[in-house]
């Protein structure tokens, strides 16, 4: 580790063991956790449900004690940092529904200054400036006067992020911030967090199951899996090393490093397909979903452009289709007929 990298690290741990107490028994959830959280980077924490991701977040927040090892915050054991100071260093956005009452978006955002002003404290000029910066970064100015009950899920999530930014800590932790959001809002939230990490030099840690979006936005992955130490690295390195497969059930699904997607581990053999590579890719995608075995077929498919047309050569017959859907429907029907003939 070079000197520049060491200066960027704000939170770290080596060989950490986490868990909780139940009926006077200590139950370890995860062992051997070593990590480095860096300023200016978006880090995504990923792993199956029950592996200990939420327990790790609670341990960082000192809501759950460390079982073994220690967490270091800016060179100081986090256990030695007073909770009031910790709330100024680390801000958290959880998945819990907020009991909002009649608060406006701006009023909720301003609550992020409580660690600095206390509950009844008035906002100083500096507090106001920090709040305005949080609103600017999250692009929530146009909804600042709206009641929280009037906001969409995506808007409310941005307001919650603005409140966390208003704490002005150096670490921002979010537990599944894109859960329950539509596709567009999931992308917007993750790209917003990437921008915050870079522009504000925050260390941003996101717990997420959105693998596709995380690959597009994260600088670093932390992978947690039962029976393995925490794996850390760039998404690209972990993909090339085959370690994303640890997130998947063994023997059923695999991560395809070529197309960047999770797919069934069964190797698909396609009939010969000629045409534009993009069109070929999507025809193959549709064929895969039919569940048919084309390894012994004598089919040939040719895709023509302008106008779009698909030619299917099947023995001595040629069929023409104007959409992929029509091609698939024909193959499915043909497959059903073949099955019926074989039964008789």
C-alpha atoms as a PDB file:
ATOM      1  CA  UNK A   1       0.000   0.000   0.000  1.00  0.00           C
ATOM      2  CA  UNK A   2       1.491   3.356  -1.030  1.00  0.00           C
ATOM      3  CA  UNK A   3       1.398   6.512   1.090  1.00  0.00           C
ATOM      4  CA  UNK A   4      -1.330   8.138  -1.015  1.00  0.00           C
ATOM      5  CA  UNK A   5      -3.618   5.131  -0.626  1.00  0.00           C
ATOM      6  CA  UNK A   6      -3.051   4.981   3.132  1.00  0.00           C
ATOM      7  CA  UNK A   7      -4.070   8.644   3.432  1.00  0.00           C
ATOM      8  CA  UNK A   8      -7.299   7.922   1.534  1.00  0.00           C
ATOM      9  CA  UNK A   9      -8.344   5.100   3.879  1.00  0.00           C
ATOM     10  CA  UNK A  10     -10.857   6.287   6.446  1.00  0.00           C
ATOM     11  CA  UNK A  11     -12.184   2.979   7.830  1.00  0.00           C
ATOM     12  CA  UNK A  12     -10.397  -0.365   8.078  1.00  0.00           C
ATOM     13  CA  UNK A  13     -10.376  -3.734   9.811  1.00  0.00           C
ATOM     14  CA  UNK A  14      -8.228  -6.867   9.839  1.00  0.00           C
ATOM     15  CA  UNK A  15      -9.486 -10.360  10.647  1.00  0.00           C
ATOM     16  CA  UNK A  16     -12.696  -9.010  12.172  1.00  0.00           C
ATOM     17  CA  UNK A  17     -15.294 -11.330  13.688  1.00  0.00           C
ATOM     18  CA  UNK A  18     -18.877 -10.085  13.992  1.00  0.00           C
ATOM     19  CA  UNK A  19     -22.076 -11.472  15.473  1.00  0.00           C
ATOM     20  CA  UNK A  20     -24.418 -11.008  18.399  1.00  0.00           C
ATOM     21  CA  UNK A  21     -25.440 -12.377  21.774  1.00  0.00           C
ATOM     22  CA  UNK A  22     -28.514 -14.563  22.278  1.00  0.00           C
ATOM     23  CA  UNK A  23     -29.495 -16.189  25.562  1.00  0.00           C
ATOM     24  CA  UNK A  24     -26.005 -15.492  26.949  1.00  0.00           C
ATOM     25  CA  UNK A  25     -24.446 -17.240  23.960  1.00  0.00           C
ATOM     26  CA  UNK A  26     -22.169 -15.532  21.459  1.00  0.00           C
ATOM     27  CA  UNK A  27     -23.178 -16.307  17.880  1.00  0.00           C
ATOM     28  CA  UNK A  28     -20.599 -15.450  15.219  1.00  0.00           C
ATOM     29  CA  UNK A  29     -22.155 -14.403  11.913  1.00  0.00           C
ATOM     30  CA  UNK A  30     -18.964 -13.783   9.932  1.00  0.00           C
ATOM     31  CA  UNK A  31     -15.230 -14.247  10.581  1.00  0.00           C
ATOM     32  CA  UNK A  32     -12.013 -13.138   8.945  1.00  0.00           C
ATOM     33  CA  UNK A  33     -13.323  -9.833   7.620  1.00  0.00           C
ATOM     34  CA  UNK A  34     -10.575  -7.496   6.410  1.00  0.00           C
ATOM     35  CA  UNK A  35     -11.379  -4.321   4.503  1.00  0.00           C
ATOM     36  CA  UNK A  36     -10.312  -0.784   3.618  1.00  0.00           C
ATOM     37  CA  UNK A  37     -12.876   1.946   2.918  1.00  0.00           C
ATOM     38  CA  UNK A  38     -11.421   4.823   0.893  1.00  0.00           C
ATOM     39  CA  UNK A  39     -12.409   8.457   0.444  1.00  0.00           C
ATOM     40  CA  UNK A  40     -13.570   9.459  -3.004  1.00  0.00           C
ATOM     41  CA  UNK A  41     -14.735   5.945  -3.849  1.00  0.00           C
ATOM     42  CA  UNK A  42     -18.059   4.155  -4.074  1.00  0.00           C
ATOM     43  CA  UNK A  43     -17.826   0.723  -2.450  1.00  0.00           C
ATOM     44  CA  UNK A  44     -20.605  -1.852  -2.849  1.00  0.00           C
ATOM     45  CA  UNK A  45     -21.061  -4.538  -0.201  1.00  0.00           C
ATOM     46  CA  UNK A  46     -22.676  -7.616  -1.726  1.00  0.00           C
ATOM     47  CA  UNK A  47     -23.627 -11.087  -0.589  1.00  0.00           C
ATOM     48  CA  UNK A  48     -26.623 -13.386  -0.094  1.00  0.00           C
ATOM     49  CA  UNK A  49     -29.235 -12.700   2.565  1.00  0.00           C
ATOM     50  CA  UNK A  50     -28.188 -13.786   6.044  1.00  0.00           C
ATOM     51  CA  UNK A  51     -24.452 -13.613   5.380  1.00  0.00           C
ATOM     52  CA  UNK A  52     -23.920 -10.715   7.816  1.00  0.00           C
ATOM     53  CA  UNK A  53     -24.032  -7.523   5.744  1.00  0.00           C
ATOM     54  CA  UNK A  54     -26.470  -5.748   8.071  1.00  0.00           C
ATOM     55  CA  UNK A  55     -24.576  -7.050  11.099  1.00  0.00           C
ATOM     56  CA  UNK A  56     -21.386  -5.514   9.704  1.00  0.00           C
ATOM     57  CA  UNK A  57     -23.133  -2.146   9.288  1.00  0.00           C
ATOM     58  CA  UNK A  58     -24.471  -2.327  12.859  1.00  0.00           C
ATOM     59  CA  UNK A  59     -20.985  -3.212  14.096  1.00  0.00           C
ATOM     60  CA  UNK A  60     -19.460  -0.219  12.317  1.00  0.00           C
ATOM     61  CA  UNK A  61     -22.154   1.977  13.918  1.00  0.00           C
ATOM     62  CA  UNK A  62     -21.356   0.399  17.322  1.00  0.00           C
ATOM     63  CA  UNK A  63     -24.908  -0.888  17.688  1.00  0.00           C
ATOM     64  CA  UNK A  64     -23.435  -4.401  17.921  1.00  0.00           C
ATOM     65  CA  UNK A  65     -20.105  -5.118  19.664  1.00  0.00           C
ATOM     66  CA  UNK A  66     -17.136  -6.595  17.832  1.00  0.00           C
ATOM     67  CA  UNK A  67     -16.507 -10.242  18.716  1.00  0.00           C
ATOM     68  CA  UNK A  68     -12.862 -10.272  17.642  1.00  0.00           C
ATOM     69  CA  UNK A  69     -10.464  -7.722  16.178  1.00  0.00           C
ATOM     70  CA  UNK A  70     -11.165  -4.023  15.882  1.00  0.00           C
ATOM     71  CA  UNK A  71     -12.409  -1.417  13.433  1.00  0.00           C
ATOM     72  CA  UNK A  72     -10.150   1.586  12.879  1.00  0.00           C
ATOM     73  CA  UNK A  73     -11.566   5.018  12.046  1.00  0.00           C
ATOM     74  CA  UNK A  74      -8.930   7.495  10.890  1.00  0.00           C
ATOM     75  CA  UNK A  75      -6.224   5.661  12.818  1.00  0.00           C
ATOM     76  CA  UNK A  76      -8.266   5.377  16.041  1.00  0.00           C
ATOM     77  CA  UNK A  77     -10.062   2.236  17.277  1.00  0.00           C
ATOM     78  CA  UNK A  78     -13.723   3.009  16.679  1.00  0.00           C
ATOM     79  CA  UNK A  79     -14.593   1.764  20.160  1.00  0.00           C
ATOM     80  CA  UNK A  80     -12.642   4.760  21.516  1.00  0.00           C
ATOM     81  CA  UNK A  81     -14.592   7.307  19.458  1.00  0.00           C
ATOM     82  CA  UNK A  82     -17.421   8.918  21.497  1.00  0.00           C
ATOM     83  CA  UNK A  83     -20.835   8.210  19.977  1.00  0.00           C
ATOM     84  CA  UNK A  84     -21.519  11.921  19.546  1.00  0.00           C
ATOM     85  CA  UNK A  85     -18.329  12.279  17.513  1.00  0.00           C
ATOM     86  CA  UNK A  86     -19.120   9.105  15.590  1.00  0.00           C
ATOM     87  CA  UNK A  87     -22.430  10.630  14.466  1.00  0.00           C
ATOM     88  CA  UNK A  88     -20.436  13.522  12.994  1.00  0.00           C
ATOM     89  CA  UNK A  89     -18.120  11.160  11.126  1.00  0.00           C
ATOM     90  CA  UNK A  90     -20.545   8.544   9.781  1.00  0.00           C
ATOM     91  CA  UNK A  91     -24.051   9.033   8.412  1.00  0.00           C
ATOM     92  CA  UNK A  92     -26.390   6.172   7.569  1.00  0.00           C
ATOM     93  CA  UNK A  93     -29.438   5.734   5.348  1.00  0.00           C
ATOM     94  CA  UNK A  94     -31.381   2.602   6.278  1.00  0.00           C
ATOM     95  CA  UNK A  95     -34.203   0.786   4.495  1.00  0.00           C
ATOM     96  CA  UNK A  96     -36.656   1.415   7.346  1.00  0.00           C
ATOM     97  CA  UNK A  97     -39.724   3.453   6.448  1.00  0.00           C
ATOM     98  CA  UNK A  98     -39.535   6.952   7.903  1.00  0.00           C
ATOM     99  CA  UNK A  99     -42.350   8.112  10.191  1.00  0.00           C
ATOM    100  CA  UNK A 100     -42.687  11.491   8.551  1.00  0.00           C
ATOM    101  CA  UNK A 101     -45.706  13.241  10.017  1.00  0.00           C
ATOM    102  CA  UNK A 102     -46.184  16.560   8.233  1.00  0.00           C
ATOM    103  CA  UNK A 103     -42.507  17.338   7.703  1.00  0.00           C
ATOM    104  CA  UNK A 104     -41.414  18.966   4.483  1.00  0.00           C
ATOM    105  CA  UNK A 105     -38.423  17.683   2.556  1.00  0.00           C
ATOM    106  CA  UNK A 106     -36.353  20.676   3.685  1.00  0.00           C
ATOM    107  CA  UNK A 107     -37.245  20.114   7.338  1.00  0.00           C
ATOM    108  CA  UNK A 108     -36.155  16.484   7.154  1.00  0.00           C
ATOM    109  CA  UNK A 109     -32.907  17.411   5.415  1.00  0.00           C
ATOM    110  CA  UNK A 110     -32.137  19.979   8.131  1.00  0.00           C
ATOM    111  CA  UNK A 111     -32.357  17.222  10.775  1.00  0.00           C
ATOM    112  CA  UNK A 112     -29.005  16.035   9.482  1.00  0.00           C
ATOM    113  CA  UNK A 113     -27.426  18.919  11.396  1.00  0.00           C
ATOM    114  CA  UNK A 114     -28.640  17.604  14.786  1.00  0.00           C
ATOM    115  CA  UNK A 115     -25.262  16.008  15.700  1.00  0.00           C
ATOM    116  CA  UNK A 116     -23.758  19.493  15.353  1.00  0.00           C
ATOM    117  CA  UNK A 117     -26.574  21.681  16.745  1.00  0.00           C
ATOM    118  CA  UNK A 118     -28.558  19.362  19.095  1.00  0.00           C
ATOM    119  CA  UNK A 119     -32.327  18.970  18.784  1.00  0.00           C
ATOM    120  CA  UNK A 120     -33.259  22.564  19.613  1.00  0.00           C
ATOM    121  CA  UNK A 121     -30.244  24.208  18.001  1.00  0.00           C
ATOM    122  CA  UNK A 122     -30.740  26.967  15.473  1.00  0.00           C
ATOM    123  CA  UNK A 123     -29.003  26.639  12.123  1.00  0.00           C
ATOM    124  CA  UNK A 124     -26.012  28.933  11.721  1.00  0.00           C
ATOM    125  CA  UNK A 125     -24.924  30.380   8.391  1.00  0.00           C
ATOM    126  CA  UNK A 126     -22.506  27.458   8.051  1.00  0.00           C
ATOM    127  CA  UNK A 127     -25.279  24.959   8.807  1.00  0.00           C
ATOM    128  CA  UNK A 128     -27.470  26.603   6.172  1.00  0.00           C
ATOM    129  CA  UNK A 129     -24.644  26.483   3.628  1.00  0.00           C
ATOM    130  CA  UNK A 130     -24.049  22.770   4.272  1.00  0.00           C
ATOM    131  CA  UNK A 131     -27.766  22.077   3.911  1.00  0.00           C
ATOM    132  CA  UNK A 132     -27.953  24.009   0.633  1.00  0.00           C
ATOM    133  CA  UNK A 133     -24.976  22.055  -0.694  1.00  0.00           C
ATOM    134  CA  UNK A 134     -26.729  18.774   0.186  1.00  0.00           C
ATOM    135  CA  UNK A 135     -29.866  19.942  -1.620  1.00  0.00           C
ATOM    136  CA  UNK A 136     -27.800  21.008  -4.631  1.00  0.00           C
ATOM    137  CA  UNK A 137     -25.939  17.690  -4.856  1.00  0.00           C
ATOM    138  CA  UNK A 138     -29.125  15.629  -4.651  1.00  0.00           C
ATOM    139  CA  UNK A 139     -31.061  17.968  -6.973  1.00  0.00           C
ATOM    140  CA  UNK A 140     -33.952  18.192  -4.510  1.00  0.00           C
ATOM    141  CA  UNK A 141     -34.475  21.964  -4.576  1.00  0.00           C
ATOM    142  CA  UNK A 142     -37.690  21.639  -6.590  1.00  0.00           C
ATOM    143  CA  UNK A 143     -39.311  19.466  -3.883  1.00  0.00           C
ATOM    144  CA  UNK A 144     -37.881  21.127  -0.778  1.00  0.00           C
ATOM    145  CA  UNK A 145     -41.231  22.625   0.282  1.00  0.00           C
ATOM    146  CA  UNK A 146     -43.282  19.482  -0.412  1.00  0.00           C
ATOM    147  CA  UNK A 147     -44.618  17.276   2.361  1.00  0.00           C
ATOM    148  CA  UNK A 148     -42.841  13.937   2.546  1.00  0.00           C
ATOM    149  CA  UNK A 149     -46.171  12.184   2.027  1.00  0.00           C
ATOM    150  CA  UNK A 150     -46.361  13.853  -1.402  1.00  0.00           C
ATOM    151  CA  UNK A 151     -43.045  12.467  -2.619  1.00  0.00           C
ATOM    152  CA  UNK A 152     -42.432   9.412  -4.770  1.00  0.00           C
ATOM    153  CA  UNK A 153     -40.165   6.651  -3.449  1.00  0.00           C
ATOM    154  CA  UNK A 154     -37.304   7.905  -5.627  1.00  0.00           C
ATOM    155  CA  UNK A 155     -37.722  11.499  -4.450  1.00  0.00           C
ATOM    156  CA  UNK A 156     -37.909  10.415  -0.816  1.00  0.00           C
ATOM    157  CA  UNK A 157     -34.704   8.407  -1.172  1.00  0.00           C
ATOM    158  CA  UNK A 158     -32.896  11.464  -2.546  1.00  0.00           C
ATOM    159  CA  UNK A 159     -34.180  13.504   0.405  1.00  0.00           C
ATOM    160  CA  UNK A 160     -32.860  10.855   2.810  1.00  0.00           C
ATOM    161  CA  UNK A 161     -29.470  11.013   1.097  1.00  0.00           C
ATOM    162  CA  UNK A 162     -29.541  14.814   1.373  1.00  0.00           C
ATOM    163  CA  UNK A 163     -30.257  14.510   5.117  1.00  0.00           C
ATOM    164  CA  UNK A 164     -27.280  12.163   5.480  1.00  0.00           C
ATOM    165  CA  UNK A 165     -25.074  14.584   3.529  1.00  0.00           C
ATOM    166  CA  UNK A 166     -26.229  17.365   5.836  1.00  0.00           C
ATOM    167  CA  UNK A 167     -24.421  15.573   8.682  1.00  0.00           C
ATOM    168  CA  UNK A 168     -21.258  16.412   6.737  1.00  0.00           C
ATOM    169  CA  UNK A 169     -19.479  13.239   7.797  1.00  0.00           C
ATOM    170  CA  UNK A 170     -16.675  11.698   5.799  1.00  0.00           C
ATOM    171  CA  UNK A 171     -18.392   8.301   5.549  1.00  0.00           C
ATOM    172  CA  UNK A 172     -21.827   7.686   4.043  1.00  0.00           C
ATOM    173  CA  UNK A 173     -23.368   4.217   4.517  1.00  0.00           C
ATOM    174  CA  UNK A 174     -26.555   3.153   2.757  1.00  0.00           C
ATOM    175  CA  UNK A 175     -28.417  -0.123   3.274  1.00  0.00           C
ATOM    176  CA  UNK A 176     -30.094  -1.147   0.005  1.00  0.00           C
ATOM    177  CA  UNK A 177     -30.924   2.403  -1.135  1.00  0.00           C
ATOM    178  CA  UNK A 178     -32.408   1.164  -4.418  1.00  0.00           C
ATOM    179  CA  UNK A 179     -34.798  -1.389  -2.900  1.00  0.00           C
ATOM    180  CA  UNK A 180     -38.402  -0.852  -4.068  1.00  0.00           C
ATOM    181  CA  UNK A 181     -37.331   1.674  -6.721  1.00  0.00           C
ATOM    182  CA  UNK A 182     -38.024   1.413 -10.438  1.00  0.00           C
ATOM    183  CA  UNK A 183     -35.222   0.907 -12.969  1.00  0.00           C
ATOM    184  CA  UNK A 184     -34.660   4.598 -13.756  1.00  0.00           C
ATOM    185  CA  UNK A 185     -34.545   5.610 -10.091  1.00  0.00           C
ATOM    186  CA  UNK A 186     -32.161   2.755  -9.259  1.00  0.00           C
ATOM    187  CA  UNK A 187     -29.709   4.025 -11.854  1.00  0.00           C
ATOM    188  CA  UNK A 188     -30.169   7.658 -10.770  1.00  0.00           C
ATOM    189  CA  UNK A 189     -29.536   6.883  -7.103  1.00  0.00           C
ATOM    190  CA  UNK A 190     -26.391   4.831  -7.753  1.00  0.00           C
ATOM    191  CA  UNK A 191     -24.942   7.391 -10.162  1.00  0.00           C
ATOM    192  CA  UNK A 192     -25.763  10.131  -7.635  1.00  0.00           C
ATOM    193  CA  UNK A 193     -23.821   8.246  -4.943  1.00  0.00           C
ATOM    194  CA  UNK A 194     -20.900   7.814  -7.340  1.00  0.00           C
ATOM    195  CA  UNK A 195     -20.934  11.564  -8.001  1.00  0.00           C
ATOM    196  CA  UNK A 196     -21.068  12.349  -4.270  1.00  0.00           C
ATOM    197  CA  UNK A 197     -18.082  10.096  -3.576  1.00  0.00           C
ATOM    198  CA  UNK A 198     -16.037  11.756  -6.298  1.00  0.00           C
ATOM    199  CA  UNK A 199     -17.047  15.412  -5.926  1.00  0.00           C
ATOM    200  CA  UNK A 200     -17.227  15.540  -2.136  1.00  0.00           C
ATOM    201  CA  UNK A 201     -14.442  13.002  -1.488  1.00  0.00           C
ATOM    202  CA  UNK A 202     -16.728  10.956   0.730  1.00  0.00           C
ATOM    203  CA  UNK A 203     -16.197   7.289   1.455  1.00  0.00           C
ATOM    204  CA  UNK A 204     -19.524   5.817   0.305  1.00  0.00           C
ATOM    205  CA  UNK A 205     -20.474   2.259   1.291  1.00  0.00           C
ATOM    206  CA  UNK A 206     -23.623   0.791  -0.275  1.00  0.00           C
ATOM    207  CA  UNK A 207     -25.233  -2.538   0.585  1.00  0.00           C
ATOM    208  CA  UNK A 208     -26.952  -3.692  -2.604  1.00  0.00           C
ATOM    209  CA  UNK A 209     -28.223  -6.664  -4.586  1.00  0.00           C
ATOM    210  CA  UNK A 210     -28.293  -4.715  -7.878  1.00  0.00           C
ATOM    211  CA  UNK A 211     -25.295  -6.437  -9.448  1.00  0.00           C
ATOM    212  CA  UNK A 212     -25.648  -4.914 -12.939  1.00  0.00           C
ATOM    213  CA  UNK A 213     -25.812  -1.324 -11.682  1.00  0.00           C
ATOM    214  CA  UNK A 214     -23.100  -1.925  -9.088  1.00  0.00           C
ATOM    215  CA  UNK A 215     -20.713  -3.147 -11.796  1.00  0.00           C
ATOM    216  CA  UNK A 216     -21.387   0.050 -13.768  1.00  0.00           C
ATOM    217  CA  UNK A 217     -20.867   2.447 -10.850  1.00  0.00           C
ATOM    218  CA  UNK A 218     -18.759   0.961  -8.033  1.00  0.00           C
ATOM    219  CA  UNK A 219     -15.036   1.536  -7.643  1.00  0.00           C
ATOM    220  CA  UNK A 220     -14.725  -1.357  -5.203  1.00  0.00           C
ATOM    221  CA  UNK A 221     -16.686  -4.481  -4.316  1.00  0.00           C
ATOM    222  CA  UNK A 222     -16.741  -6.142  -0.917  1.00  0.00           C
ATOM    223  CA  UNK A 223     -18.044  -9.688  -1.360  1.00  0.00           C
ATOM    224  CA  UNK A 224     -19.333 -11.632   1.651  1.00  0.00           C
ATOM    225  CA  UNK A 225     -20.109 -15.337   1.423  1.00  0.00           C
ATOM    226  CA  UNK A 226     -20.472 -17.994   4.106  1.00  0.00           C
ATOM    227  CA  UNK A 227     -17.270 -19.958   4.552  1.00  0.00           C
ATOM    228  CA  UNK A 228     -15.075 -17.441   2.728  1.00  0.00           C
ATOM    229  CA  UNK A 229     -13.146 -14.358   3.869  1.00  0.00           C
ATOM    230  CA  UNK A 230     -14.405 -10.994   2.656  1.00  0.00           C
ATOM    231  CA  UNK A 231     -13.139 -10.424  -0.893  1.00  0.00           C
ATOM    232  CA  UNK A 232     -12.266  -6.867  -1.877  1.00  0.00           C
ATOM    233  CA  UNK A 233     -11.263  -5.460  -5.240  1.00  0.00           C
ATOM    234  CA  UNK A 234     -12.460  -3.621  -8.306  1.00  0.00           C
ATOM    235  CA  UNK A 235     -15.521  -5.226  -9.928  1.00  0.00           C
ATOM    236  CA  UNK A 236     -13.466  -5.820 -13.060  1.00  0.00           C
ATOM    237  CA  UNK A 237     -10.702  -7.711 -11.216  1.00  0.00           C
ATOM    238  CA  UNK A 238     -13.200  -9.833  -9.293  1.00  0.00           C
ATOM    239  CA  UNK A 239     -15.027 -10.662 -12.533  1.00  0.00           C
ATOM    240  CA  UNK A 240     -11.827 -11.790 -14.248  1.00  0.00           C
ATOM    241  CA  UNK A 241     -10.867 -13.837 -11.172  1.00  0.00           C
ATOM    242  CA  UNK A 242     -14.252 -15.596 -11.242  1.00  0.00           C
ATOM    243  CA  UNK A 243     -15.062 -14.513  -7.694  1.00  0.00           C
ATOM    244  CA  UNK A 244     -18.509 -13.093  -8.453  1.00  0.00           C
ATOM    245  CA  UNK A 245     -19.649 -16.701  -8.729  1.00  0.00           C
ATOM    246  CA  UNK A 246     -19.399 -16.864  -4.935  1.00  0.00           C
ATOM    247  CA  UNK A 247     -22.558 -14.755  -4.832  1.00  0.00           C
ATOM    248  CA  UNK A 248     -24.482 -17.420  -6.756  1.00  0.00           C
ATOM    249  CA  UNK A 249     -25.859 -20.878  -5.859  1.00  0.00           C
ATOM    250  CA  UNK A 250     -23.256 -23.430  -6.871  1.00  0.00           C
ATOM    251  CA  UNK A 251     -24.034 -25.577  -9.887  1.00  0.00           C
ATOM    252  CA  UNK A 252     -27.105 -23.646 -11.020  1.00  0.00           C
ATOM    253  CA  UNK A 253     -26.054 -20.123 -11.967  1.00  0.00           C
ATOM    254  CA  UNK A 254     -22.791 -18.562 -13.153  1.00  0.00           C
ATOM    255  CA  UNK A 255     -21.602 -15.065 -13.912  1.00  0.00           C
ATOM    256  CA  UNK A 256     -20.738 -14.812 -17.612  1.00  0.00           C
ATOM    257  CA  UNK A 257     -17.670 -12.564 -17.800  1.00  0.00           C
ATOM    258  CA  UNK A 258     -18.147 -12.032 -21.529  1.00  0.00           C
ATOM    259  CA  UNK A 259     -21.596 -10.462 -21.427  1.00  0.00           C
ATOM    260  CA  UNK A 260     -21.520  -9.320 -17.799  1.00  0.00           C
ATOM    261  CA  UNK A 261     -24.671 -11.174 -16.784  1.00  0.00           C
ATOM    262  CA  UNK A 262     -25.788 -13.942 -14.479  1.00  0.00           C
ATOM    263  CA  UNK A 263     -27.074 -16.933 -16.418  1.00  0.00           C
ATOM    264  CA  UNK A 264     -27.745 -20.638 -16.079  1.00  0.00           C
ATOM    265  CA  UNK A 265     -24.608 -22.725 -15.861  1.00  0.00           C
ATOM    266  CA  UNK A 266     -25.837 -25.069 -18.609  1.00  0.00           C
ATOM    267  CA  UNK A 267     -23.971 -24.337 -21.851  1.00  0.00           C
ATOM    268  CA  UNK A 268     -26.365 -23.441 -24.662  1.00  0.00           C
ATOM    269  CA  UNK A 269     -25.667 -24.648 -28.211  1.00  0.00           C
ATOM    270  CA  UNK A 270     -27.364 -22.484 -30.837  1.00  0.00           C
ATOM    271  CA  UNK A 271     -28.194 -23.230 -34.463  1.00  0.00           C
ATOM    272  CA  UNK A 272     -26.189 -21.362 -37.093  1.00  0.00           C
ATOM    273  CA  UNK A 273     -27.271 -17.702 -37.127  1.00  0.00           C
ATOM    274  CA  UNK A 274     -26.076 -15.173 -39.710  1.00  0.00           C
ATOM    275  CA  UNK A 275     -26.616 -11.429 -39.635  1.00  0.00           C
ATOM    276  CA  UNK A 276     -25.895  -8.260 -37.686  1.00  0.00           C
ATOM    277  CA  UNK A 277     -24.057  -9.206 -34.446  1.00  0.00           C
ATOM    278  CA  UNK A 278     -26.463  -7.220 -32.268  1.00  0.00           C
ATOM    279  CA  UNK A 279     -29.500  -8.898 -33.818  1.00  0.00           C
ATOM    280  CA  UNK A 280     -27.793 -12.304 -33.520  1.00  0.00           C
ATOM    281  CA  UNK A 281     -27.217 -11.693 -29.796  1.00  0.00           C
ATOM    282  CA  UNK A 282     -30.899 -10.978 -29.143  1.00  0.00           C
ATOM    283  CA  UNK A 283     -32.117 -13.884 -31.242  1.00  0.00           C
ATOM    284  CA  UNK A 284     -29.825 -16.122 -29.166  1.00  0.00           C
ATOM    285  CA  UNK A 285     -31.237 -14.553 -26.009  1.00  0.00           C
ATOM    286  CA  UNK A 286     -34.769 -15.428 -27.127  1.00  0.00           C
ATOM    287  CA  UNK A 287     -33.784 -18.957 -28.191  1.00  0.00           C
ATOM    288  CA  UNK A 288     -32.246 -19.573 -24.780  1.00  0.00           C
ATOM    289  CA  UNK A 289     -35.607 -18.961 -23.096  1.00  0.00           C
ATOM    290  CA  UNK A 290     -37.376 -21.645 -25.147  1.00  0.00           C
ATOM    291  CA  UNK A 291     -35.575 -24.350 -23.173  1.00  0.00           C
ATOM    292  CA  UNK A 292     -34.991 -26.336 -26.354  1.00  0.00           C
ATOM    293  CA  UNK A 293     -31.863 -28.302 -27.218  1.00  0.00           C
ATOM    294  CA  UNK A 294     -30.553 -27.134 -30.596  1.00  0.00           C
ATOM    295  CA  UNK A 295     -27.339 -29.172 -30.484  1.00  0.00           C
ATOM    296  CA  UNK A 296     -28.662 -31.760 -32.956  1.00  0.00           C
ATOM    297  CA  UNK A 297     -30.900 -29.500 -35.023  1.00  0.00           C
ATOM    298  CA  UNK A 298     -30.365 -28.752 -38.694  1.00  0.00           C
ATOM    299  CA  UNK A 299     -31.799 -25.253 -38.435  1.00  0.00           C
ATOM    300  CA  UNK A 300     -30.212 -22.230 -40.099  1.00  0.00           C
ATOM    301  CA  UNK A 301     -31.252 -18.679 -39.293  1.00  0.00           C
ATOM    302  CA  UNK A 302     -30.437 -15.602 -41.341  1.00  0.00           C
ATOM    303  CA  UNK A 303     -31.277 -12.072 -40.187  1.00  0.00           C
ATOM    304  CA  UNK A 304     -31.736  -9.353 -42.785  1.00  0.00           C
ATOM    305  CA  UNK A 305     -31.951  -5.597 -42.216  1.00  0.00           C
ATOM    306  CA  UNK A 306     -33.936  -2.787 -43.873  1.00  0.00           C
ATOM    307  CA  UNK A 307     -36.530  -4.107 -43.660  1.00  0.00           C
ATOM    308  CA  UNK A 308     -35.927  -6.390 -40.702  1.00  0.00           C
ATOM    309  CA  UNK A 309     -36.673  -9.997 -41.604  1.00  0.00           C
ATOM    310  CA  UNK A 310     -35.704 -13.416 -40.246  1.00  0.00           C
ATOM    311  CA  UNK A 311     -35.282 -16.415 -42.535  1.00  0.00           C
ATOM    312  CA  UNK A 312     -35.495 -19.862 -40.967  1.00  0.00           C
ATOM    313  CA  UNK A 313     -34.210 -22.763 -43.050  1.00  0.00           C
ATOM    314  CA  UNK A 314     -35.622 -26.023 -41.737  1.00  0.00           C
ATOM    315  CA  UNK A 315     -34.706 -29.036 -43.870  1.00  0.00           C
ATOM    316  CA  UNK A 316     -36.152 -28.143 -47.309  1.00  0.00           C
ATOM    317  CA  UNK A 317     -38.497 -25.459 -46.009  1.00  0.00           C
ATOM    318  CA  UNK A 318     -37.874 -21.726 -45.641  1.00  0.00           C
ATOM    319  CA  UNK A 319     -39.985 -19.632 -43.264  1.00  0.00           C
ATOM    320  CA  UNK A 320     -40.062 -15.832 -43.073  1.00  0.00           C
ATOM    321  CA  UNK A 321     -40.705 -13.805 -39.917  1.00  0.00           C
ATOM    322  CA  UNK A 322     -40.916 -10.066 -39.324  1.00  0.00           C
ATOM    323  CA  UNK A 323     -40.181 -10.277 -35.570  1.00  0.00           C
ATOM    324  CA  UNK A 324     -38.167 -12.430 -33.185  1.00  0.00           C
ATOM    325  CA  UNK A 325     -41.411 -13.187 -31.363  1.00  0.00           C
ATOM    326  CA  UNK A 326     -42.893 -14.796 -34.486  1.00  0.00           C
ATOM    327  CA  UNK A 327     -39.761 -16.944 -34.919  1.00  0.00           C
ATOM    328  CA  UNK A 328     -39.903 -18.140 -31.325  1.00  0.00           C
ATOM    329  CA  UNK A 329     -43.626 -18.886 -31.532  1.00  0.00           C
ATOM    330  CA  UNK A 330     -43.009 -21.033 -34.623  1.00  0.00           C
ATOM    331  CA  UNK A 331     -40.169 -22.946 -32.937  1.00  0.00           C
ATOM    332  CA  UNK A 332     -42.218 -23.560 -29.800  1.00  0.00           C
ATOM    333  CA  UNK A 333     -45.193 -24.811 -31.803  1.00  0.00           C
ATOM    334  CA  UNK A 334     -42.948 -26.973 -33.976  1.00  0.00           C
ATOM    335  CA  UNK A 335     -41.328 -28.395 -30.842  1.00  0.00           C
ATOM    336  CA  UNK A 336     -44.746 -29.265 -29.363  1.00  0.00           C
ATOM    337  CA  UNK A 337     -45.769 -31.078 -32.551  1.00  0.00           C
ATOM    338  CA  UNK A 338     -42.526 -33.096 -32.497  1.00  0.00           C
ATOM    339  CA  UNK A 339     -43.111 -34.097 -28.886  1.00  0.00           C
ATOM    340  CA  UNK A 340     -46.654 -35.237 -29.687  1.00  0.00           C
ATOM    341  CA  UNK A 341     -45.441 -37.291 -32.652  1.00  0.00           C
ATOM    342  CA  UNK A 342     -42.779 -38.954 -30.499  1.00  0.00           C
ATOM    343  CA  UNK A 343     -45.387 -39.904 -27.894  1.00  0.00           C
ATOM    344  CA  UNK A 344     -47.400 -41.718 -30.527  1.00  0.00           C
END
